[in-house]
C-alpha atoms as a PDB file:
ATOM      1  CA  MET A   1       0.034   0.056  -0.046  1.00  0.00           C
ATOM      2  CA  ALA A   2       2.885   2.336   0.812  1.00  0.00           C
ATOM      3  CA  ASP A   3       4.477   1.609  -2.486  1.00  0.00           C
ATOM      4  CA  HIS A   4       1.313   2.622  -4.259  1.00  0.00           C
ATOM      5  CA  ILE A   5       1.128   5.773  -2.421  1.00  0.00           C
ATOM      6  CA  ALA A   6       4.743   6.636  -3.112  1.00  0.00           C
ATOM      7  CA  GLN A   7       4.381   5.844  -6.786  1.00  0.00           C
ATOM      8  CA  PHE A   8       1.544   8.383  -7.247  1.00  0.00           C
ATOM      9  CA  SER A   9       3.151  10.962  -5.048  1.00  0.00           C
ATOM     10  CA  GLY A  10       6.315  10.877  -7.179  1.00  0.00           C
ATOM     11  CA  LEU A  11       8.424   9.782  -4.224  1.00  0.00           C
ATOM     12  CA  PRO A  12      11.251   7.315  -4.762  1.00  0.00           C
ATOM     13  CA  ILE A  13      10.347   3.814  -3.891  1.00  0.00           C
ATOM     14  CA  ARG A  14      12.477   2.384  -1.014  1.00  0.00           C
ATOM     15  CA  PRO A  15      13.568  -1.220  -1.517  1.00  0.00           C
ATOM     16  CA  ARG A  16      11.935  -3.695   0.771  1.00  0.00           C
ATOM     17  CA  ILE A  17      14.120  -4.841   3.532  1.00  0.00           C
ATOM     18  CA  ASN A  18      14.204  -8.710   4.383  1.00  0.00           C
ATOM     19  CA  MET A  19      14.279  -8.924   8.101  1.00  0.00           C
ATOM     20  CA  HIS A  20      15.661 -12.346   7.887  1.00  0.00           C
ATOM     21  CA  GLN A  21      18.688 -11.581   5.690  1.00  0.00           C
ATOM     22  CA  PRO A  22      21.823 -11.006   7.456  1.00  0.00           C
ATOM     23  CA  GLU A  23      24.075  -7.984   7.013  1.00  0.00           C
ATOM     24  CA  THR A  24      26.930  -8.440   4.688  1.00  0.00           C
ATOM     25  CA  PRO A  25      29.964  -9.761   6.702  1.00  0.00           C
ATOM     26  CA  THR A  26      32.440  -8.103   4.656  1.00  0.00           C
ATOM     27  CA  LYS A  27      33.336  -5.373   7.157  1.00  0.00           C
ATOM     28  CA  TYR A  28      33.350  -7.870  10.035  1.00  0.00           C
ATOM     29  CA  LEU A  29      35.850 -10.294   8.201  1.00  0.00           C
ATOM     30  CA  ARG A  30      38.161  -7.416   7.215  1.00  0.00           C
ATOM     31  CA  GLY A  31      38.392  -6.722  10.961  1.00  0.00           C
ATOM     32  CA  ARG A  32      39.212 -10.269  11.838  1.00  0.00           C
ATOM     33  CA  ALA A  33      41.921 -10.905   9.243  1.00  0.00           C
ATOM     34  CA  PHE A  34      45.379 -12.088  10.550  1.00  0.00           C
ATOM     35  CA  THR A  35      48.069  -9.512  10.667  1.00  0.00           C
ATOM     36  CA  LEU A  36      51.593  -9.978   9.602  1.00  0.00           C
ATOM     37  CA  ILE A  37      52.831 -10.096  13.202  1.00  0.00           C
ATOM     38  CA  GLU A  38      50.289 -12.931  14.167  1.00  0.00           C
ATOM     39  CA  LEU A  39      51.375 -14.975  11.098  1.00  0.00           C
ATOM     40  CA  LEU A  40      54.836 -14.513  12.179  1.00  0.00           C
ATOM     41  CA  VAL A  41      54.061 -15.615  15.767  1.00  0.00           C
ATOM     42  CA  VAL A  42      52.178 -18.627  14.639  1.00  0.00           C
ATOM     43  CA  ILE A  43      55.229 -19.727  12.343  1.00  0.00           C
ATOM     44  CA  ALA A  44      57.522 -19.195  15.348  1.00  0.00           C
ATOM     45  CA  VAL A  45      55.387 -21.406  17.496  1.00  0.00           C
ATOM     46  CA  ILE A  46      55.184 -24.250  14.991  1.00  0.00           C
ATOM     47  CA  ALA A  47      58.973 -24.080  14.524  1.00  0.00           C
ATOM     48  CA  LEU A  48      59.593 -24.223  18.150  1.00  0.00           C
ATOM     49  CA  LEU A  49      57.390 -27.060  18.397  1.00  0.00           C
ATOM     50  CA  LEU A  50      59.009 -28.937  15.535  1.00  0.00           C
ATOM     51  CA  ALA A  51      62.396 -28.147  17.189  1.00  0.00           C
ATOM     52  CA  LEU A  52      61.190 -29.816  20.416  1.00  0.00           C
ATOM     53  CA  LEU A  53      59.653 -32.848  18.763  1.00  0.00           C
ATOM     54  CA  ILE A  54      62.131 -33.865  16.097  1.00  0.00           C
ATOM     55  CA  PRO A  55      64.925 -34.811  18.723  1.00  0.00           C
ATOM     56  CA  VAL A  56      62.172 -36.782  20.656  1.00  0.00           C
ATOM     57  CA  LEU A  57      61.101 -38.714  17.624  1.00  0.00           C
ATOM     58  CA  ALA A  58      64.662 -39.407  16.526  1.00  0.00           C
ATOM     59  CA  SER A  59      65.396 -40.632  20.069  1.00  0.00           C
ATOM     60  CA  ALA A  60      62.275 -42.779  20.123  1.00  0.00           C
ATOM     61  CA  ARG A  61      63.252 -44.320  16.706  1.00  0.00           C
ATOM     62  CA  GLU A  62      66.780 -44.971  17.868  1.00  0.00           C
ATOM     63  CA  GLN A  63      65.406 -46.664  20.928  1.00  0.00           C
ATOM     64  CA  GLY A  64      63.145 -48.851  18.929  1.00  0.00           C
ATOM     65  CA  GLN A  65      65.934 -49.763  16.486  1.00  0.00           C
ATOM     66  CA  ARG A  66      68.317 -50.519  19.322  1.00  0.00           C
ATOM     67  CA  ALA A  67      65.693 -52.861  20.979  1.00  0.00           C
ATOM     68  CA  VAL A  68      65.448 -54.667  17.571  1.00  0.00           C
ATOM     69  CA  CYS A  69      69.133 -54.878  17.419  1.00  0.00           C
ATOM     70  CA  LEU A  70      69.493 -56.337  21.079  1.00  0.00           C
ATOM     71  CA  SER A  71      66.827 -58.948  20.153  1.00  0.00           C
ATOM     72  CA  ASN A  72      68.613 -60.002  17.031  1.00  0.00           C
ATOM     73  CA  LEU A  73      71.852 -60.374  18.839  1.00  0.00           C
ATOM     74  CA  LYS A  74      70.092 -62.569  21.555  1.00  0.00           C
ATOM     75  CA  GLN A  75      68.462 -64.781  19.028  1.00  0.00           C
ATOM     76  CA  LEU A  76      71.736 -65.372  17.125  1.00  0.00           C
ATOM     77  CA  THR A  77      73.405 -66.206  20.479  1.00  0.00           C
ATOM     78  CA  LEU A  78      70.718 -68.679  21.497  1.00  0.00           C
ATOM     79  CA  ALA A  79      71.083 -70.344  18.115  1.00  0.00           C
ATOM     80  CA  TRP A  80      74.855 -70.337  18.787  1.00  0.00           C
ATOM     81  CA  PHE A  81      74.104 -72.114  22.049  1.00  0.00           C
ATOM     82  CA  ALA A  82      71.649 -74.583  20.498  1.00  0.00           C
ATOM     83  CA  TYR A  83      74.221 -75.575  17.817  1.00  0.00           C
ATOM     84  CA  ALA A  84      76.883 -76.231  20.566  1.00  0.00           C
ATOM     85  CA  THR A  85      74.324 -78.290  22.463  1.00  0.00           C
ATOM     86  CA  GLU A  86      73.552 -80.477  19.556  1.00  0.00           C
ATOM     87  CA  HIS A  87      77.311 -80.867  18.658  1.00  0.00           C
ATOM     88  CA  ASP A  88      78.462 -82.245  21.960  1.00  0.00           C
ATOM     89  CA  GLY A  89      79.619 -78.762  23.318  1.00  0.00           C
ATOM     90  CA  MET A  90      81.696 -77.769  20.130  1.00  0.00           C
ATOM     91  CA  LEU A  91      81.110 -74.162  19.188  1.00  0.00           C
ATOM     92  CA  VAL A  92      80.123 -73.260  15.602  1.00  0.00           C
ATOM     93  CA  TYR A  93      83.097 -71.889  13.523  1.00  0.00           C
ATOM     94  CA  GLY A  94      83.110 -68.258  14.106  1.00  0.00           C
ATOM     95  CA  ASP A  95      83.865 -66.780  10.701  1.00  0.00           C
ATOM     96  CA  THR A  96      81.431 -66.599   7.749  1.00  0.00           C
ATOM     97  CA  GLY A  97      81.631 -68.952   4.771  1.00  0.00           C
ATOM     98  CA  THR A  98      83.154 -72.455   4.789  1.00  0.00           C
ATOM     99  CA  LEU A  99      86.760 -73.129   5.741  1.00  0.00           C
ATOM    100  CA  ILE A 100      88.662 -76.291   4.793  1.00  0.00           C
ATOM    101  CA  ARG A 101      91.673 -76.861   7.146  1.00  0.00           C
ATOM    102  CA  LYS A 102      94.038 -79.337   8.331  1.00  0.00           C
ATOM    103  CA  THR A 103      94.506 -80.653  11.932  1.00  0.00           C
ATOM    104  CA  LYS A 104      96.330 -83.458  13.607  1.00  0.00           C
ATOM    105  CA  ILE A 105      94.132 -86.320  14.939  1.00  0.00           C
ATOM    106  CA  ASN A 106      95.800 -89.347  16.730  1.00  0.00           C
ATOM    107  CA  GLY A 107      99.139 -88.454  15.150  1.00  0.00           C
ATOM    108  CA  ALA A 108      97.687 -88.157  11.575  1.00  0.00           C
ATOM    109  CA  ILE A 109      96.792 -84.972   9.550  1.00  0.00           C
ATOM    110  CA  LYS A 110      93.285 -84.809   8.575  1.00  0.00           C
ATOM    111  CA  THR A 111      91.405 -82.401   6.392  1.00  0.00           C
ATOM    112  CA  ILE A 112      88.208 -81.092   7.836  1.00  0.00           C
ATOM    113  CA  THR A 113      85.432 -78.715   6.455  1.00  0.00           C
ATOM    114  CA  LEU A 114      84.037 -76.119   8.742  1.00  0.00           C
ATOM    115  CA  GLU A 115      80.725 -74.344   8.001  1.00  0.00           C
ATOM    116  CA  GLY A 116      80.615 -70.915   9.268  1.00  0.00           C
ATOM    117  CA  TRP A 117      77.887 -69.506  11.432  1.00  0.00           C
ATOM    118  CA  SER A 118      76.762 -67.280   8.497  1.00  0.00           C
ATOM    119  CA  GLY A 119      77.003 -68.406   4.897  1.00  0.00           C
ATOM    120  CA  SER A 120      77.914 -67.048   1.423  1.00  0.00           C
ATOM    121  CA  ALA A 121      74.059 -66.210   0.961  1.00  0.00           C
ATOM    122  CA  PHE A 122      74.460 -63.008   2.834  1.00  0.00           C
ATOM    123  CA  SER A 123      76.746 -61.758   0.156  1.00  0.00           C
ATOM    124  CA  ALA A 124      74.080 -61.740  -2.315  1.00  0.00           C
ATOM    125  CA  ARG A 125      73.151 -58.588  -4.525  1.00  0.00           C
ATOM    126  CA  THR A 126      69.435 -58.584  -3.804  1.00  0.00           C
ATOM    127  CA  ARG A 127      67.288 -59.628  -1.160  1.00  0.00           C
ATOM    128  CA  ALA A 128      65.591 -62.304  -3.603  1.00  0.00           C
ATOM    129  CA  GLU A 129      68.955 -63.903  -4.308  1.00  0.00           C
ATOM    130  CA  LEU A 130      69.627 -64.120  -0.434  1.00  0.00           C
ATOM    131  CA  ILE A 131      66.318 -65.691   0.159  1.00  0.00           C
ATOM    132  CA  GLU A 132      66.763 -68.317  -2.758  1.00  0.00           C
ATOM    133  CA  ASP A 133      70.429 -69.113  -1.823  1.00  0.00           C
ATOM    134  CA  PRO A 134      70.474 -72.234   0.526  1.00  0.00           C
ATOM    135  CA  ASN A 135      73.997 -71.371   1.856  1.00  0.00           C
ATOM    136  CA  LYS A 136      72.891 -69.414   4.895  1.00  0.00           C
ATOM    137  CA  GLY A 137      75.347 -70.880   7.321  1.00  0.00           C
ATOM    138  CA  ALA A 138      75.354 -73.302  10.164  1.00  0.00           C
ATOM    139  CA  LEU A 139      72.955 -71.383  12.331  1.00  0.00           C
ATOM    140  CA  TRP A 140      70.151 -71.037   9.884  1.00  0.00           C
ATOM    141  CA  PRO A 141      68.182 -74.001  11.099  1.00  0.00           C
ATOM    142  CA  TRP A 142      67.644 -72.089  14.291  1.00  0.00           C
ATOM    143  CA  ILE A 143      67.005 -68.778  12.808  1.00  0.00           C
ATOM    144  CA  ARG A 144      64.995 -68.987   9.631  1.00  0.00           C
ATOM    145  CA  ASP A 145      64.676 -65.163   9.242  1.00  0.00           C
ATOM    146  CA  VAL A 146      67.190 -63.186   7.154  1.00  0.00           C
ATOM    147  CA  ASP A 147      66.570 -60.070   9.006  1.00  0.00           C
ATOM    148  CA  ILE A 148      68.032 -61.351  12.157  1.00  0.00           C
ATOM    149  CA  TYR A 149      71.400 -61.186  10.658  1.00  0.00           C
ATOM    150  CA  ARG A 150      71.257 -57.250  10.289  1.00  0.00           C
ATOM    151  CA  CYS A 151      70.832 -54.182  12.503  1.00  0.00           C
ATOM    152  CA  PRO A 152      67.765 -52.264  11.345  1.00  0.00           C
ATOM    153  CA  ARG A 153      69.627 -49.009  11.633  1.00  0.00           C
ATOM    154  CA  ILE A 154      71.868 -49.843   8.737  1.00  0.00           C
ATOM    155  CA  GLN A 155      71.058 -49.518   5.061  1.00  0.00           C
ATOM    156  CA  PRO A 156      68.795 -52.341   3.901  1.00  0.00           C
ATOM    157  CA  ASP A 157      71.124 -53.401   1.123  1.00  0.00           C
ATOM    158  CA  TYR A 158      73.637 -54.881   3.826  1.00  0.00           C
ATOM    159  CA  PHE A 159      72.247 -58.138   4.669  1.00  0.00           C
ATOM    160  CA  ARG A 160      74.593 -59.008   7.493  1.00  0.00           C
ATOM    161  CA  THR A 161      76.014 -56.432   9.928  1.00  0.00           C
ATOM    162  CA  TYR A 162      76.892 -58.691  12.857  1.00  0.00           C
ATOM    163  CA  ALA A 163      80.164 -60.516  13.560  1.00  0.00           C
ATOM    164  CA  THR A 164      81.528 -62.775  16.086  1.00  0.00           C
ATOM    165  CA  VAL A 165      84.393 -61.884  18.200  1.00  0.00           C
ATOM    166  CA  PRO A 166      87.518 -63.719  17.219  1.00  0.00           C
ATOM    167  CA  SER A 167      87.814 -65.597  20.518  1.00  0.00           C
ATOM    168  CA  ALA A 168      84.420 -67.357  19.736  1.00  0.00           C
ATOM    169  CA  ASN A 169      86.168 -69.900  17.628  1.00  0.00           C
ATOM    170  CA  GLY A 170      86.805 -67.399  14.915  1.00  0.00           C
ATOM    171  CA  GLY A 171      89.647 -67.717  12.324  1.00  0.00           C
ATOM    172  CA  THR A 172      91.755 -64.957  13.717  1.00  0.00           C
ATOM    173  CA  LYS A 173      94.763 -66.430  15.701  1.00  0.00           C
ATOM    174  CA  VAL A 174      95.564 -65.227  19.322  1.00  0.00           C
ATOM    175  CA  PRO A 175      98.352 -62.614  18.738  1.00  0.00           C
ATOM    176  CA  GLY A 176     101.615 -63.969  19.796  1.00  0.00           C
ATOM    177  CA  THR A 177     100.639 -67.476  19.292  1.00  0.00           C
ATOM    178  CA  PHE A 178     101.140 -70.006  16.335  1.00  0.00           C
ATOM    179  CA  SER A 179      99.929 -73.371  15.227  1.00  0.00           C
ATOM    180  CA  ASN A 180     100.825 -75.336  12.029  1.00  0.00           C
ATOM    181  CA  TYR A 181      97.320 -76.310  11.739  1.00  0.00           C
ATOM    182  CA  GLY A 182      95.458 -73.089  12.076  1.00  0.00           C
ATOM    183  CA  PHE A 183      93.329 -73.839  15.035  1.00  0.00           C
ATOM    184  CA  TYR A 184      94.871 -71.536  17.557  1.00  0.00           C
ATOM    185  CA  LEU A 185      92.513 -73.010  20.167  1.00  0.00           C
ATOM    186  CA  GLY A 186      92.713 -74.003  23.937  1.00  0.00           C
ATOM    187  CA  ILE A 187      95.451 -71.410  24.803  1.00  0.00           C
ATOM    188  CA  ARG A 188      95.055 -70.926  28.459  1.00  0.00           C
ATOM    189  CA  VAL A 189      96.425 -68.106  30.778  1.00  0.00           C
ATOM    190  CA  GLY A 190      95.661 -69.397  34.392  1.00  0.00           C
ATOM    191  CA  SER A 191      91.985 -70.597  34.147  1.00  0.00           C
ATOM    192  CA  THR A 192      91.015 -68.377  31.266  1.00  0.00           C
ATOM    193  CA  VAL A 193      90.920 -69.898  27.785  1.00  0.00           C
ATOM    194  CA  LEU A 194      91.682 -67.173  25.260  1.00  0.00           C
ATOM    195  CA  LYS A 195      90.345 -68.771  22.197  1.00  0.00           C
ATOM    196  CA  LEU A 196      87.063 -70.802  22.881  1.00  0.00           C
ATOM    197  CA  SER A 197      86.389 -73.885  20.995  1.00  0.00           C
ATOM    198  CA  ARG A 198      83.712 -75.677  23.461  1.00  0.00           C
ATOM    199  CA  LEU A 199      81.150 -74.374  25.908  1.00  0.00           C
ATOM    200  CA  SER A 200      83.327 -75.954  28.629  1.00  0.00           C
ATOM    201  CA  ASP A 201      86.033 -73.642  28.010  1.00  0.00           C
ATOM    202  CA  ILE A 202      84.010 -70.722  29.430  1.00  0.00           C
ATOM    203  CA  VAL A 203      85.102 -70.764  33.088  1.00  0.00           C
ATOM    204  CA  ASN A 204      86.831 -67.595  34.061  1.00  0.00           C
ATOM    205  CA  PRO A 205      85.342 -65.200  33.588  1.00  0.00           C
ATOM    206  CA  GLY A 206      81.883 -66.797  33.223  1.00  0.00           C
ATOM    207  CA  ALA A 207      79.390 -66.823  30.356  1.00  0.00           C
ATOM    208  CA  GLY A 208      77.829 -63.653  31.277  1.00  0.00           C
ATOM    209  CA  GLN A 209      81.194 -61.826  30.563  1.00  0.00           C
ATOM    210  CA  ARG A 210      82.545 -63.499  27.478  1.00  0.00           C
ATOM    211  CA  ALA A 211      81.290 -61.931  24.271  1.00  0.00           C
ATOM    212  CA  VAL A 212      79.987 -63.764  21.387  1.00  0.00           C
ATOM    213  CA  PHE A 213      78.352 -61.437  18.751  1.00  0.00           C
ATOM    214  CA  ILE A 214      78.848 -57.803  18.163  1.00  0.00           C
ATOM    215  CA  ASP A 215      77.231 -55.133  16.048  1.00  0.00           C
ATOM    216  CA  GLY A 216      80.037 -53.865  14.019  1.00  0.00           C
ATOM    217  CA  GLY A 217      78.516 -50.657  13.007  1.00  0.00           C
ATOM    218  CA  ASN A 218      80.550 -50.480   9.662  1.00  0.00           C
ATOM    219  CA  PRO A 219      79.217 -53.269   7.500  1.00  0.00           C
ATOM    220  CA  THR A 220      82.084 -53.041   5.008  1.00  0.00           C
ATOM    221  CA  ALA A 221      84.431 -53.892   7.869  1.00  0.00           C
ATOM    222  CA  ILE A 222      82.784 -57.194   8.624  1.00  0.00           C
ATOM    223  CA  ASN A 223      84.368 -60.113   6.966  1.00  0.00           C
ATOM    224  CA  GLY A 224      84.009 -62.721   9.597  1.00  0.00           C
ATOM    225  CA  SER A 225      85.208 -61.728  12.948  1.00  0.00           C
ATOM    226  CA  TYR A 226      85.415 -58.349  14.481  1.00  0.00           C
ATOM    227  CA  TYR A 227      89.204 -58.251  15.630  1.00  0.00           C
ATOM    228  CA  VAL A 228      90.398 -56.566  18.800  1.00  0.00           C
ATOM    229  CA  GLU A 229      93.869 -56.659  20.130  1.00  0.00           C
ATOM    230  CA  TYR A 230      95.059 -58.811  22.989  1.00  0.00           C
ATOM    231  CA  LEU A 231      98.662 -58.051  23.620  1.00  0.00           C
ATOM    232  CA  GLN A 232      98.505 -54.273  23.049  1.00  0.00           C
ATOM    233  CA  PRO A 233      96.396 -51.389  24.272  1.00  0.00           C
ATOM    234  CA  ARG A 234      95.067 -50.344  20.891  1.00  0.00           C
ATOM    235  CA  TRP A 235      92.178 -50.653  18.532  1.00  0.00           C
ATOM    236  CA  ARG A 236      92.605 -52.170  15.089  1.00  0.00           C
ATOM    237  CA  ALA A 237      92.089 -50.268  11.860  1.00  0.00           C
ATOM    238  CA  SER A 238      88.253 -50.521  12.015  1.00  0.00           C
ATOM    239  CA  GLY A 239      88.387 -48.922  15.529  1.00  0.00           C
ATOM    240  CA  ALA A 240      85.509 -49.145  17.997  1.00  0.00           C
ATOM    241  CA  PRO A 241      82.189 -50.213  16.553  1.00  0.00           C
ATOM    242  CA  ILE A 242      80.283 -46.991  16.398  1.00  0.00           C
ATOM    243  CA  HIS A 243      76.506 -47.464  16.468  1.00  0.00           C
ATOM    244  CA  HIS A 244      73.393 -46.475  18.272  1.00  0.00           C
ATOM    245  CA  ASN A 245      74.124 -43.053  19.586  1.00  0.00           C
ATOM    246  CA  ASP A 246      77.899 -43.224  19.969  1.00  0.00           C
ATOM    247  CA  GLY A 247      77.712 -46.842  21.464  1.00  0.00           C
ATOM    248  CA  MET A 248      77.377 -50.428  20.442  1.00  0.00           C
ATOM    249  CA  THR A 249      75.422 -53.628  21.124  1.00  0.00           C
ATOM    250  CA  ILE A 250      77.010 -56.957  22.114  1.00  0.00           C
ATOM    251  CA  SER A 251      75.852 -60.352  23.257  1.00  0.00           C
ATOM    252  CA  MET A 252      77.304 -62.586  25.896  1.00  0.00           C
ATOM    253  CA  ALA A 253      77.726 -66.447  25.932  1.00  0.00           C
ATOM    254  CA  ASP A 254      74.956 -66.726  28.434  1.00  0.00           C
ATOM    255  CA  GLY A 255      72.470 -65.395  25.926  1.00  0.00           C
ATOM    256  CA  HIS A 256      71.788 -61.792  27.035  1.00  0.00           C
ATOM    257  CA  ALA A 257      72.656 -58.751  24.884  1.00  0.00           C
ATOM    258  CA  GLU A 258      73.822 -55.365  26.265  1.00  0.00           C
ATOM    259  CA  TYR A 259      74.140 -51.798  24.981  1.00  0.00           C
ATOM    260  CA  TRP A 260      77.395 -50.114  25.741  1.00  0.00           C
ATOM    261  CA  LYS A 261      77.856 -46.291  25.573  1.00  0.00           C
ATOM    262  CA  TRP A 262      81.334 -45.304  25.025  1.00  0.00           C
ATOM    263  CA  LYS A 263      82.790 -43.065  27.605  1.00  0.00           C
ATOM    264  CA  GLY A 264      85.783 -41.746  25.719  1.00  0.00           C
ATOM    265  CA  ARG A 265      84.916 -39.415  22.948  1.00  0.00           C
ATOM    266  CA  GLU A 266      88.200 -40.306  21.307  1.00  0.00           C
ATOM    267  CA  THR A 267      86.800 -43.748  20.732  1.00  0.00           C
ATOM    268  CA  VAL A 268      84.370 -42.452  18.228  1.00  0.00           C
ATOM    269  CA  VAL A 269      86.801 -40.647  15.914  1.00  0.00           C
ATOM    270  CA  ASP A 270      87.720 -42.303  12.609  1.00  0.00           C
ATOM    271  CA  ALA A 271      91.413 -41.206  12.544  1.00  0.00           C
ATOM    272  CA  VAL A 272      93.964 -43.847  13.485  1.00  0.00           C
ATOM    273  CA  ARG A 273      97.651 -43.964  13.931  1.00  0.00           C
ATOM    274  CA  ARG A 274      99.970 -45.995  11.672  1.00  0.00           C
ATOM    275  CA  TYR A 275     102.089 -48.627  13.541  1.00  0.00           C
ATOM    276  CA  GLY A 276     104.246 -51.374  11.834  1.00  0.00           C
ATOM    277  CA  GLY A 277     102.683 -50.986   8.346  1.00  0.00           C
ATOM    278  CA  SER A 278      99.126 -51.574   9.833  1.00  0.00           C
ATOM    279  CA  PHE A 279      96.500 -49.168  11.045  1.00  0.00           C
ATOM    280  CA  LEU A 280      96.255 -49.195  14.864  1.00  0.00           C
ATOM    281  CA  TYR A 281      95.048 -46.619  17.296  1.00  0.00           C
ATOM    282  CA  GLU A 282      96.145 -46.265  21.008  1.00  0.00           C
ATOM    283  CA  PRO A 283      93.737 -44.427  23.362  1.00  0.00           C
ATOM    284  CA  GLN A 284      95.098 -41.164  24.888  1.00  0.00           C
ATOM    285  CA  THR A 285      92.760 -40.705  27.579  1.00  0.00           C
ATOM    286  CA  GLU A 286      91.580 -42.874  30.735  1.00  0.00           C
ATOM    287  CA  ASP A 287      87.966 -43.033  29.154  1.00  0.00           C
ATOM    288  CA  GLY A 288      89.290 -44.160  25.907  1.00  0.00           C
ATOM    289  CA  LEU A 289      91.479 -46.686  27.653  1.00  0.00           C
ATOM    290  CA  TYR A 290      88.503 -47.990  29.745  1.00  0.00           C
ATOM    291  CA  ASP A 291      86.379 -48.477  26.613  1.00  0.00           C
ATOM    292  CA  LEU A 292      89.111 -50.538  24.900  1.00  0.00           C
ATOM    293  CA  GLN A 293      89.931 -52.605  27.792  1.00  0.00           C
ATOM    294  CA  ARG A 294      86.264 -53.314  28.466  1.00  0.00           C
ATOM    295  CA  LEU A 295      85.981 -54.895  25.138  1.00  0.00           C
ATOM    296  CA  GLN A 296      89.285 -56.617  25.168  1.00  0.00           C
ATOM    297  CA  LYS A 297      88.295 -58.467  28.395  1.00  0.00           C
ATOM    298  CA  ALA A 298      84.830 -59.434  27.125  1.00  0.00           C
ATOM    299  CA  THR A 299      86.674 -60.758  23.981  1.00  0.00           C
ATOM    300  CA  TRP A 300      89.607 -62.611  25.431  1.00  0.00           C
ATOM    301  CA  GLY A 301      88.514 -62.916  29.105  1.00  0.00           C
ATOM    302  CA  ARG A 302      91.406 -60.705  30.204  1.00  0.00           C
ATOM    303  CA  ILE A 303      94.014 -58.299  28.610  1.00  0.00           C
ATOM    304  CA  GLY A 304      97.517 -59.693  27.717  1.00  0.00           C
ATOM    305  CA  TYR A 305      99.594 -56.627  28.869  1.00  0.00           C
ATOM    306  CA  THR A 306     100.443 -54.879  32.018  1.00  0.00           C
ATOM    307  CA  MET A 307      99.261 -51.428  32.429  1.00  0.00           C
ATOM    308  CA  ASN A 308      98.009 -49.242  35.321  1.00  0.00           C
ATOM    309  CA  GLY A 309      98.418 -52.153  37.801  1.00  0.00           C
ATOM    310  CA  GLY A 310      98.297 -55.116  35.355  1.00  0.00           C
ATOM    311  CA  PRO A 311      95.441 -56.941  33.528  1.00  0.00           C
END
């Protein structure tokens, strides 16, 4: 009615207002837009949270990988023990592959073949080749899982990253000893057998203190046994096995596995000194010497030199 009156009176017609239609929110939204300072604050908070979370996530990942590594070492050691139990206490050959060597039995020289704890299959180029190759070593009947032979922290194209210590019936001779037939076994210093060939050799120290398997840390350096000196206070060329946050994992003859955190920072350096034509490194600090002697004692049962009061 008002529109009709306005039409005849010449007045402009006002548009009808819909009482249910909300006002345009443009002005409201403009007032609530983020400022540059607010955006910078949000970005800074996100960056701070990431800086806090990334180390925590990395640490959690390392803890998980270390747990798997310790489990692998424990399973290998249990298989090592099972092999000895089924072979009248004789330990499995501690190197990889197969060895043909001579020994004297009842006055006659005999040729024997020794199958290593890990076989040539673990030198395969692909995982498929590894699985298909039957030459997986003497411990395979008790393992049946190719992933047990490697630390999950190492690149996946390395199929074996563990090694035995040389005293666990490995091929490396005890330094300062000699044998025409290559065994280098049964050498005793007091009640300690340096080179183990049978479970009954593990007397002093006991099984909980004699090393069997070690996480080498550097897969390219593992060619059978991880070597550590006996007669000298020094590391071999490969140095200390550095893995798992400046430490290493190791298993003992009683079946348990341990994580060792290196005390001496010099232990984790790659530099070595050259002695007598071979790369060797002698620790220069008390912590570095402690690290070395700890592994020497776990390997050989004692150290073969006198220093700071003797072995």
